[in-house]
Amino acid sequence: IAGIFVSFFVIGIWHGANWTFIMV
């Protein structure tokens, strides 16, 4: 579960420097 969140945090922030992408 922690690995899932780390991976999708990277995928989110990869898209751009905005809290909206982190939220995604």
mmCIF file of all heavy atoms, coordinates in Angstrom:
data_MODEL
# 
_entry.id   MODEL 
# 
loop_
_atom_site.group_PDB 
_atom_site.id 
_atom_site.type_symbol 
_atom_site.label_atom_id 
_atom_site.label_alt_id 
_atom_site.label_comp_id 
_atom_site.label_asym_id 
_atom_site.label_entity_id 
_atom_site.label_seq_id 
_atom_site.pdbx_PDB_ins_code 
_atom_site.Cartn_x 
_atom_site.Cartn_y 
_atom_site.Cartn_z 
_atom_site.occupancy 
_atom_site.B_iso_or_equiv 
_atom_site.pdbx_formal_charge 
_atom_site.auth_seq_id 
_atom_site.auth_comp_id 
_atom_site.auth_asym_id 
_atom_site.auth_atom_id 
_atom_site.pdbx_PDB_model_num 
ATOM 1   N N   . ILE A 1 1  ? 0.827  -1.208 0.000   1.00 0.00 ? 1  ILE A N   1 
ATOM 2   C CA  . ILE A 1 1  ? 0.000  0.000  0.000   1.00 0.00 ? 1  ILE A CA  1 
ATOM 3   C C   . ILE A 1 1  ? 0.864  1.261  0.000   1.00 0.00 ? 1  ILE A C   1 
ATOM 4   O O   . ILE A 1 1  ? 0.604  2.222  -0.734  1.00 0.00 ? 1  ILE A O   1 
ATOM 5   C CB  . ILE A 1 1  ? -0.971 -0.009 1.197   1.00 0.00 ? 1  ILE A CB  1 
ATOM 6   C CG1 . ILE A 1 1  ? -2.009 -1.132 1.013   1.00 0.00 ? 1  ILE A CG1 1 
ATOM 7   C CG2 . ILE A 1 1  ? -1.663 1.344  1.350   1.00 0.00 ? 1  ILE A CG2 1 
ATOM 8   C CD1 . ILE A 1 1  ? -2.911 -1.337 2.190   1.00 0.00 ? 1  ILE A CD1 1 
ATOM 9   N N   . ALA A 1 2  ? 1.932  1.250  0.809   1.00 0.00 ? 2  ALA A N   1 
ATOM 10  C CA  . ALA A 1 2  ? 2.848  2.396  0.818   1.00 0.00 ? 2  ALA A CA  1 
ATOM 11  C C   . ALA A 1 2  ? 3.508  2.557  -0.540  1.00 0.00 ? 2  ALA A C   1 
ATOM 12  O O   . ALA A 1 2  ? 3.663  3.683  -1.044  1.00 0.00 ? 2  ALA A O   1 
ATOM 13  C CB  . ALA A 1 2  ? 3.906  2.207  1.904   1.00 0.00 ? 2  ALA A CB  1 
ATOM 14  N N   . GLY A 1 3  ? 3.878  1.436  -1.172  1.00 0.00 ? 3  GLY A N   1 
ATOM 15  C CA  . GLY A 1 3  ? 4.485  1.488  -2.501  1.00 0.00 ? 3  GLY A CA  1 
ATOM 16  C C   . GLY A 1 3  ? 3.541  2.055  -3.541  1.00 0.00 ? 3  GLY A C   1 
ATOM 17  O O   . GLY A 1 3  ? 3.964  2.788  -4.448  1.00 0.00 ? 3  GLY A O   1 
ATOM 18  N N   . ILE A 1 4  ? 2.262  1.730  -3.416  1.00 0.00 ? 4  ILE A N   1 
ATOM 19  C CA  . ILE A 1 4  ? 1.255  2.274  -4.329  1.00 0.00 ? 4  ILE A CA  1 
ATOM 20  C C   . ILE A 1 4  ? 1.201  3.793  -4.206  1.00 0.00 ? 4  ILE A C   1 
ATOM 21  O O   . ILE A 1 4  ? 1.205  4.514  -5.216  1.00 0.00 ? 4  ILE A O   1 
ATOM 22  C CB  . ILE A 1 4  ? -0.132 1.660  -4.031  1.00 0.00 ? 4  ILE A CB  1 
ATOM 23  C CG1 . ILE A 1 4  ? -0.165 0.198  -4.472  1.00 0.00 ? 4  ILE A CG1 1 
ATOM 24  C CG2 . ILE A 1 4  ? -1.241 2.455  -4.737  1.00 0.00 ? 4  ILE A CG2 1 
ATOM 25  C CD1 . ILE A 1 4  ? -1.394 -0.562 -3.994  1.00 0.00 ? 4  ILE A CD1 1 
ATOM 26  N N   . PHE A 1 5  ? 1.166  4.298  -2.976  1.00 0.00 ? 5  PHE A N   1 
ATOM 27  C CA  . PHE A 1 5  ? 1.081  5.748  -2.777  1.00 0.00 ? 5  PHE A CA  1 
ATOM 28  C C   . PHE A 1 5  ? 2.345  6.462  -3.236  1.00 0.00 ? 5  PHE A C   1 
ATOM 29  O O   . PHE A 1 5  ? 2.276  7.545  -3.832  1.00 0.00 ? 5  PHE A O   1 
ATOM 30  C CB  . PHE A 1 5  ? 0.768  6.074  -1.319  1.00 0.00 ? 5  PHE A CB  1 
ATOM 31  C CG  . PHE A 1 5  ? -0.681 6.045  -0.990  1.00 0.00 ? 5  PHE A CG  1 
ATOM 32  C CD1 . PHE A 1 5  ? -1.266 4.928  -0.416  1.00 0.00 ? 5  PHE A CD1 1 
ATOM 33  C CD2 . PHE A 1 5  ? -1.500 7.129  -1.297  1.00 0.00 ? 5  PHE A CD2 1 
ATOM 34  C CE1 . PHE A 1 5  ? -2.624 4.892  -0.128  1.00 0.00 ? 5  PHE A CE1 1 
ATOM 35  C CE2 . PHE A 1 5  ? -2.856 7.109  -1.017  1.00 0.00 ? 5  PHE A CE2 1 
ATOM 36  C CZ  . PHE A 1 5  ? -3.420 5.987  -0.434  1.00 0.00 ? 5  PHE A CZ  1 
ATOM 37  N N   . VAL A 1 6  ? 3.505  5.874  -2.980  1.00 0.00 ? 6  VAL A N   1 
ATOM 38  C CA  . VAL A 1 6  ? 4.756  6.477  -3.448  1.00 0.00 ? 6  VAL A CA  1 
ATOM 39  C C   . VAL A 1 6  ? 4.769  6.544  -4.978  1.00 0.00 ? 6  VAL A C   1 
ATOM 40  O O   . VAL A 1 6  ? 5.110  7.578  -5.573  1.00 0.00 ? 6  VAL A O   1 
ATOM 41  C CB  . VAL A 1 6  ? 5.978  5.688  -2.937  1.00 0.00 ? 6  VAL A CB  1 
ATOM 42  C CG1 . VAL A 1 6  ? 7.260  6.176  -3.615  1.00 0.00 ? 6  VAL A CG1 1 
ATOM 43  C CG2 . VAL A 1 6  ? 6.100  5.810  -1.425  1.00 0.00 ? 6  VAL A CG2 1 
ATOM 44  N N   . SER A 1 7  ? 4.371  5.458  -5.618  1.00 0.00 ? 7  SER A N   1 
ATOM 45  C CA  . SER A 1 7  ? 4.364  5.407  -7.084  1.00 0.00 ? 7  SER A CA  1 
ATOM 46  C C   . SER A 1 7  ? 3.414  6.440  -7.672  1.00 0.00 ? 7  SER A C   1 
ATOM 47  O O   . SER A 1 7  ? 3.765  7.151  -8.624  1.00 0.00 ? 7  SER A O   1 
ATOM 48  C CB  . SER A 1 7  ? 3.965  4.000  -7.560  1.00 0.00 ? 7  SER A CB  1 
ATOM 49  O OG  . SER A 1 7  ? 4.880  3.035  -7.102  1.00 0.00 ? 7  SER A OG  1 
ATOM 50  N N   . PHE A 1 8  ? 2.218  6.554  -7.093  1.00 0.00 ? 8  PHE A N   1 
ATOM 51  C CA  . PHE A 1 8  ? 1.247  7.487  -7.667  1.00 0.00 ? 8  PHE A CA  1 
ATOM 52  C C   . PHE A 1 8  ? 1.513  8.929  -7.255  1.00 0.00 ? 8  PHE A C   1 
ATOM 53  O O   . PHE A 1 8  ? 1.086  9.858  -7.962  1.00 0.00 ? 8  PHE A O   1 
ATOM 54  C CB  . PHE A 1 8  ? -0.178 7.048  -7.335  1.00 0.00 ? 8  PHE A CB  1 
ATOM 55  C CG  . PHE A 1 8  ? -0.678 6.009  -8.287  1.00 0.00 ? 8  PHE A CG  1 
ATOM 56  C CD1 . PHE A 1 8  ? -0.609 4.665  -7.965  1.00 0.00 ? 8  PHE A CD1 1 
ATOM 57  C CD2 . PHE A 1 8  ? -1.150 6.371  -9.526  1.00 0.00 ? 8  PHE A CD2 1 
ATOM 58  C CE1 . PHE A 1 8  ? -1.028 3.704  -8.870  1.00 0.00 ? 8  PHE A CE1 1 
ATOM 59  C CE2 . PHE A 1 8  ? -1.582 5.424  -10.443 1.00 0.00 ? 8  PHE A CE2 1 
ATOM 60  C CZ  . PHE A 1 8  ? -1.518 4.079  -10.111 1.00 0.00 ? 8  PHE A CZ  1 
ATOM 61  N N   . PHE A 1 9  ? 2.232  9.127  -6.170  1.00 0.00 ? 9  PHE A N   1 
ATOM 62  C CA  . PHE A 1 9  ? 2.712  10.477 -5.888  1.00 0.00 ? 9  PHE A CA  1 
ATOM 63  C C   . PHE A 1 9  ? 3.680  10.907 -6.981  1.00 0.00 ? 9  PHE A C   1 
ATOM 64  O O   . PHE A 1 9  ? 3.611  12.036 -7.484  1.00 0.00 ? 9  PHE A O   1 
ATOM 65  C CB  . PHE A 1 9  ? 3.394  10.541 -4.524  1.00 0.00 ? 9  PHE A CB  1 
ATOM 66  C CG  . PHE A 1 9  ? 4.052  11.876 -4.259  1.00 0.00 ? 9  PHE A CG  1 
ATOM 67  C CD1 . PHE A 1 9  ? 3.303  12.947 -3.799  1.00 0.00 ? 9  PHE A CD1 1 
ATOM 68  C CD2 . PHE A 1 9  ? 5.408  12.055 -4.496  1.00 0.00 ? 9  PHE A CD2 1 
ATOM 69  C CE1 . PHE A 1 9  ? 3.898  14.182 -3.573  1.00 0.00 ? 9  PHE A CE1 1 
ATOM 70  C CE2 . PHE A 1 9  ? 6.014  13.289 -4.270  1.00 0.00 ? 9  PHE A CE2 1 
ATOM 71  C CZ  . PHE A 1 9  ? 5.256  14.352 -3.805  1.00 0.00 ? 9  PHE A CZ  1 
ATOM 72  N N   . VAL A 1 10 ? 4.575  10.003 -7.374  1.00 0.00 ? 10 VAL A N   1 
ATOM 73  C CA  . VAL A 1 10 ? 5.528  10.299 -8.448  1.00 0.00 ? 10 VAL A CA  1 
ATOM 74  C C   . VAL A 1 10 ? 4.786  10.546 -9.763  1.00 0.00 ? 10 VAL A C   1 
ATOM 75  O O   . VAL A 1 10 ? 5.093  11.498 -10.493 1.00 0.00 ? 10 VAL A O   1 
ATOM 76  C CB  . VAL A 1 10 ? 6.553  9.154  -8.605  1.00 0.00 ? 10 VAL A CB  1 
ATOM 77  C CG1 . VAL A 1 10 ? 7.410  9.361  -9.858  1.00 0.00 ? 10 VAL A CG1 1 
ATOM 78  C CG2 . VAL A 1 10 ? 7.433  9.067  -7.370  1.00 0.00 ? 10 VAL A CG2 1 
ATOM 79  N N   . ILE A 1 11 ? 3.812  9.696  -10.071 1.00 0.00 ? 11 ILE A N   1 
ATOM 80  C CA  . ILE A 1 11 ? 3.038  9.889  -11.302 1.00 0.00 ? 11 ILE A CA  1 
ATOM 81  C C   . ILE A 1 11 ? 2.316  11.222 -11.272 1.00 0.00 ? 11 ILE A C   1 
ATOM 82  O O   . ILE A 1 11 ? 2.278  11.942 -12.275 1.00 0.00 ? 11 ILE A O   1 
ATOM 83  C CB  . ILE A 1 11 ? 2.031  8.729  -11.491 1.00 0.00 ? 11 ILE A CB  1 
ATOM 84  C CG1 . ILE A 1 11 ? 2.774  7.441  -11.862 1.00 0.00 ? 11 ILE A CG1 1 
ATOM 85  C CG2 . ILE A 1 11 ? 1.004  9.066  -12.577 1.00 0.00 ? 11 ILE A CG2 1 
ATOM 86  C CD1 . ILE A 1 11 ? 1.883  6.220  -11.971 1.00 0.00 ? 11 ILE A CD1 1 
ATOM 87  N N   . GLY A 1 12 ? 1.768  11.587 -10.114 1.00 0.00 ? 12 GLY A N   1 
ATOM 88  C CA  . GLY A 1 12 ? 1.060  12.862 -10.009 1.00 0.00 ? 12 GLY A CA  1 
ATOM 89  C C   . GLY A 1 12 ? 1.981  14.042 -10.187 1.00 0.00 ? 12 GLY A C   1 
ATOM 90  O O   . GLY A 1 12 ? 1.750  14.897 -11.041 1.00 0.00 ? 12 GLY A O   1 
ATOM 91  N N   . ILE A 1 13 ? 3.060  14.098 -9.411  1.00 0.00 ? 13 ILE A N   1 
ATOM 92  C CA  . ILE A 1 13 ? 3.966  15.248 -9.464  1.00 0.00 ? 13 ILE A CA  1 
ATOM 93  C C   . ILE A 1 13 ? 4.740  15.274 -10.768 1.00 0.00 ? 13 ILE A C   1 
ATOM 94  O O   . ILE A 1 13 ? 5.188  16.341 -11.221 1.00 0.00 ? 13 ILE A O   1 
ATOM 95  C CB  . ILE A 1 13 ? 4.934  15.239 -8.250  1.00 0.00 ? 13 ILE A CB  1 
ATOM 96  C CG1 . ILE A 1 13 ? 5.564  16.619 -8.034  1.00 0.00 ? 13 ILE A CG1 1 
ATOM 97  C CG2 . ILE A 1 13 ? 5.989  14.177 -8.407  1.00 0.00 ? 13 ILE A CG2 1 
ATOM 98  C CD1 . ILE A 1 13 ? 4.604  17.682 -7.577  1.00 0.00 ? 13 ILE A CD1 1 
ATOM 99  N N   . TRP A 1 14 ? 4.914  14.120 -11.422 1.00 0.00 ? 14 TRP A N   1 
ATOM 100 C CA  . TRP A 1 14 ? 5.566  14.061 -12.731 1.00 0.00 ? 14 TRP A CA  1 
ATOM 101 C C   . TRP A 1 14 ? 4.833  14.940 -13.733 1.00 0.00 ? 14 TRP A C   1 
ATOM 102 O O   . TRP A 1 14 ? 5.446  15.559 -14.599 1.00 0.00 ? 14 TRP A O   1 
ATOM 103 C CB  . TRP A 1 14 ? 5.596  12.607 -13.224 1.00 0.00 ? 14 TRP A CB  1 
ATOM 104 C CG  . TRP A 1 14 ? 6.191  12.413 -14.590 1.00 0.00 ? 14 TRP A CG  1 
ATOM 105 C CD1 . TRP A 1 14 ? 7.490  12.162 -14.897 1.00 0.00 ? 14 TRP A CD1 1 
ATOM 106 C CD2 . TRP A 1 14 ? 5.495  12.452 -15.848 1.00 0.00 ? 14 TRP A CD2 1 
ATOM 107 N NE1 . TRP A 1 14 ? 7.657  12.040 -16.253 1.00 0.00 ? 14 TRP A NE1 1 
ATOM 108 C CE2 . TRP A 1 14 ? 6.439  12.220 -16.857 1.00 0.00 ? 14 TRP A CE2 1 
ATOM 109 C CE3 . TRP A 1 14 ? 4.169  12.661 -16.208 1.00 0.00 ? 14 TRP A CE3 1 
ATOM 110 C CZ2 . TRP A 1 14 ? 6.095  12.182 -18.211 1.00 0.00 ? 14 TRP A CZ2 1 
ATOM 111 C CZ3 . TRP A 1 14 ? 3.826  12.633 -17.541 1.00 0.00 ? 14 TRP A CZ3 1 
ATOM 112 C CH2 . TRP A 1 14 ? 4.776  12.398 -18.535 1.00 0.00 ? 14 TRP A CH2 1 
ATOM 113 N N   . HIS A 1 15 ? 3.507  15.013 -13.588 1.00 0.00 ? 15 HIS A N   1 
ATOM 114 C CA  . HIS A 1 15 ? 2.715  15.775 -14.556 1.00 0.00 ? 15 HIS A CA  1 
ATOM 115 C C   . HIS A 1 15 ? 2.891  17.284 -14.407 1.00 0.00 ? 15 HIS A C   1 
ATOM 116 O O   . HIS A 1 15 ? 2.627  18.023 -15.366 1.00 0.00 ? 15 HIS A O   1 
ATOM 117 C CB  . HIS A 1 15 ? 1.230  15.415 -14.424 1.00 0.00 ? 15 HIS A CB  1 
ATOM 118 C CG  . HIS A 1 15 ? 0.876  14.114 -15.070 1.00 0.00 ? 15 HIS A CG  1 
ATOM 119 N ND1 . HIS A 1 15 ? 0.978  12.907 -14.418 1.00 0.00 ? 15 HIS A ND1 1 
ATOM 120 C CD2 . HIS A 1 15 ? 0.431  13.824 -16.316 1.00 0.00 ? 15 HIS A CD2 1 
ATOM 121 C CE1 . HIS A 1 15 ? 0.605  11.931 -15.232 1.00 0.00 ? 15 HIS A CE1 1 
ATOM 122 N NE2 . HIS A 1 15 ? 0.269  12.455 -16.385 1.00 0.00 ? 15 HIS A NE2 1 
ATOM 123 N N   . GLY A 1 16 ? 3.291  17.759 -13.243 1.00 0.00 ? 16 GLY A N   1 
ATOM 124 C CA  . GLY A 1 16 ? 3.471  19.199 -13.120 1.00 0.00 ? 16 GLY A CA  1 
ATOM 125 C C   . GLY A 1 16 ? 3.580  19.661 -11.685 1.00 0.00 ? 16 GLY A C   1 
ATOM 126 O O   . GLY A 1 16 ? 3.222  18.938 -10.741 1.00 0.00 ? 16 GLY A O   1 
ATOM 127 N N   . ALA A 1 17 ? 4.088  20.886 -11.521 1.00 0.00 ? 17 ALA A N   1 
ATOM 128 C CA  . ALA A 1 17 ? 4.283  21.474 -10.198 1.00 0.00 ? 17 ALA A CA  1 
ATOM 129 C C   . ALA A 1 17 ? 3.005  22.176 -9.760  1.00 0.00 ? 17 ALA A C   1 
ATOM 130 O O   . ALA A 1 17 ? 2.882  23.400 -9.832  1.00 0.00 ? 17 ALA A O   1 
ATOM 131 C CB  . ALA A 1 17 ? 5.462  22.449 -10.224 1.00 0.00 ? 17 ALA A CB  1 
ATOM 132 N N   . ASN A 1 18 ? 2.040  21.396 -9.327  1.00 0.00 ? 18 ASN A N   1 
ATOM 133 C CA  . ASN A 1 18 ? 0.764  21.946 -8.882  1.00 0.00 ? 18 ASN A CA  1 
ATOM 134 C C   . ASN A 1 18 ? 0.112  20.944 -7.935  1.00 0.00 ? 18 ASN A C   1 
ATOM 135 O O   . ASN A 1 18 ? 0.195  19.733 -8.157  1.00 0.00 ? 18 ASN A O   1 
ATOM 136 C CB  . ASN A 1 18 ? -0.158 22.222 -10.080 1.00 0.00 ? 18 ASN A CB  1 
ATOM 137 C CG  . ASN A 1 18 ? -1.323 23.120 -9.727  1.00 0.00 ? 18 ASN A CG  1 
ATOM 138 O OD1 . ASN A 1 18 ? -1.971 22.964 -8.693  1.00 0.00 ? 18 ASN A OD1 1 
ATOM 139 N ND2 . ASN A 1 18 ? -1.613 24.076 -10.590 1.00 0.00 ? 18 ASN A ND2 1 
ATOM 140 N N   . TRP A 1 19 ? -0.539 21.445 -6.895  1.00 0.00 ? 19 TRP A N   1 
ATOM 141 C CA  . TRP A 1 19 ? -1.209 20.562 -5.952  1.00 0.00 ? 19 TRP A CA  1 
ATOM 142 C C   . TRP A 1 19 ? -2.324 19.764 -6.612  1.00 0.00 ? 19 TRP A C   1 
ATOM 143 O O   . TRP A 1 19 ? -2.722 18.708 -6.107  1.00 0.00 ? 19 TRP A O   1 
ATOM 144 C CB  . TRP A 1 19 ? -1.760 21.364 -4.776  1.00 0.00 ? 19 TRP A CB  1 
ATOM 145 C CG  . TRP A 1 19 ? -0.696 21.774 -3.816  1.00 0.00 ? 19 TRP A CG  1 
ATOM 146 C CD1 . TRP A 1 19 ? -0.127 23.003 -3.678  1.00 0.00 ? 19 TRP A CD1 1 
ATOM 147 C CD2 . TRP A 1 19 ? -0.045 20.920 -2.867  1.00 0.00 ? 19 TRP A CD2 1 
ATOM 148 N NE1 . TRP A 1 19 ? 0.834  22.993 -2.695  1.00 0.00 ? 19 TRP A NE1 1 
ATOM 149 C CE2 . TRP A 1 19 ? 0.907  21.719 -2.176  1.00 0.00 ? 19 TRP A CE2 1 
ATOM 150 C CE3 . TRP A 1 19 ? -0.163 19.575 -2.521  1.00 0.00 ? 19 TRP A CE3 1 
ATOM 151 C CZ2 . TRP A 1 19 ? 1.731  21.206 -1.177  1.00 0.00 ? 19 TRP A CZ2 1 
ATOM 152 C CZ3 . TRP A 1 19 ? 0.646  19.060 -1.521  1.00 0.00 ? 19 TRP A CZ3 1 
ATOM 153 C CH2 . TRP A 1 19 ? 1.579  19.865 -0.865  1.00 0.00 ? 19 TRP A CH2 1 
ATOM 154 N N   . THR A 1 20 ? -2.836 20.247 -7.726  1.00 0.00 ? 20 THR A N   1 
ATOM 155 C CA  . THR A 1 20 ? -3.889 19.504 -8.429  1.00 0.00 ? 20 THR A CA  1 
ATOM 156 C C   . THR A 1 20 ? -3.366 18.157 -8.919  1.00 0.00 ? 20 THR A C   1 
ATOM 157 O O   . THR A 1 20 ? -4.069 17.141 -8.839  1.00 0.00 ? 20 THR A O   1 
ATOM 158 C CB  . THR A 1 20 ? -4.413 20.311 -9.626  1.00 0.00 ? 20 THR A CB  1 
ATOM 159 O OG1 . THR A 1 20 ? -3.316 20.665 -10.479 1.00 0.00 ? 20 THR A OG1 1 
ATOM 160 C CG2 . THR A 1 20 ? -5.106 21.579 -9.170  1.00 0.00 ? 20 THR A CG2 1 
ATOM 161 N N   . PHE A 1 21 ? -2.125 18.123 -9.407  1.00 0.00 ? 21 PHE A N   1 
ATOM 162 C CA  . PHE A 1 21 ? -1.555 16.866 -9.891  1.00 0.00 ? 21 PHE A CA  1 
ATOM 163 C C   . PHE A 1 21 ? -1.216 15.933 -8.724  1.00 0.00 ? 21 PHE A C   1 
ATOM 164 O O   . PHE A 1 21 ? -1.351 14.707 -8.847  1.00 0.00 ? 21 PHE A O   1 
ATOM 165 C CB  . PHE A 1 21 ? -0.314 17.148 -10.733 1.00 0.00 ? 21 PHE A CB  1 
ATOM 166 C CG  . PHE A 1 21 ? -0.596 17.934 -11.983 1.00 0.00 ? 21 PHE A CG  1 
ATOM 167 C CD1 . PHE A 1 21 ? 0.030  19.144 -12.205 1.00 0.00 ? 21 PHE A CD1 1 
ATOM 168 C CD2 . PHE A 1 21 ? -1.502 17.475 -12.916 1.00 0.00 ? 21 PHE A CD2 1 
ATOM 169 C CE1 . PHE A 1 21 ? -0.226 19.889 -13.355 1.00 0.00 ? 21 PHE A CE1 1 
ATOM 170 C CE2 . PHE A 1 21 ? -1.777 18.199 -14.065 1.00 0.00 ? 21 PHE A CE2 1 
ATOM 171 C CZ  . PHE A 1 21 ? -1.145 19.413 -14.280 1.00 0.00 ? 21 PHE A CZ  1 
ATOM 172 N N   . ILE A 1 22 ? -0.777 16.509 -7.630  1.00 0.00 ? 22 ILE A N   1 
ATOM 173 C CA  . ILE A 1 22 ? -0.535 15.689 -6.438  1.00 0.00 ? 22 ILE A CA  1 
ATOM 174 C C   . ILE A 1 22 ? -1.846 15.065 -5.970  1.00 0.00 ? 22 ILE A C   1 
ATOM 175 O O   . ILE A 1 22 ? -1.890 13.892 -5.571  1.00 0.00 ? 22 ILE A O   1 
ATOM 176 C CB  . ILE A 1 22 ? 0.107  16.544 -5.326  1.00 0.00 ? 22 ILE A CB  1 
ATOM 177 C CG1 . ILE A 1 22 ? 1.505  17.009 -5.762  1.00 0.00 ? 22 ILE A CG1 1 
ATOM 178 C CG2 . ILE A 1 22 ? 0.176  15.759 -4.016  1.00 0.00 ? 22 ILE A CG2 1 
ATOM 179 C CD1 . ILE A 1 22 ? 2.163  17.961 -4.793  1.00 0.00 ? 22 ILE A CD1 1 
ATOM 180 N N   . MET A 1 23 ? -2.934 15.847 -6.041  1.00 0.00 ? 23 MET A N   1 
ATOM 181 C CA  . MET A 1 23 ? -4.247 15.333 -5.655  1.00 0.00 ? 23 MET A CA  1 
ATOM 182 C C   . MET A 1 23 ? -4.668 14.183 -6.557  1.00 0.00 ? 23 MET A C   1 
ATOM 183 O O   . MET A 1 23 ? -5.259 13.190 -6.087  1.00 0.00 ? 23 MET A O   1 
ATOM 184 C CB  . MET A 1 23 ? -5.277 16.462 -5.724  1.00 0.00 ? 23 MET A CB  1 
ATOM 185 C CG  . MET A 1 23 ? -6.635 16.087 -5.155  1.00 0.00 ? 23 MET A CG  1 
ATOM 186 S SD  . MET A 1 23 ? -6.540 15.772 -3.361  1.00 0.00 ? 23 MET A SD  1 
ATOM 187 C CE  . MET A 1 23 ? -8.242 15.396 -2.991  1.00 0.00 ? 23 MET A CE  1 
ATOM 188 N N   . VAL A 1 24 ? -4.385 14.293 -7.845  1.00 0.00 ? 24 VAL A N   1 
ATOM 189 C CA  . VAL A 1 24 ? -4.696 13.198 -8.772  1.00 0.00 ? 24 VAL A CA  1 
ATOM 190 C C   . VAL A 1 24 ? -3.964 11.929 -8.335  1.00 0.00 ? 24 VAL A C   1 
ATOM 191 O O   . VAL A 1 24 ? -4.548 10.839 -8.286  1.00 0.00 ? 24 VAL A O   1 
ATOM 192 C CB  . VAL A 1 24 ? -4.303 13.570 -10.217 1.00 0.00 ? 24 VAL A CB  1 
ATOM 193 C CG1 . VAL A 1 24 ? -4.403 12.352 -11.133 1.00 0.00 ? 24 VAL A CG1 1 
ATOM 194 C CG2 . VAL A 1 24 ? -5.194 14.683 -10.748 1.00 0.00 ? 24 VAL A CG2 1 
# 
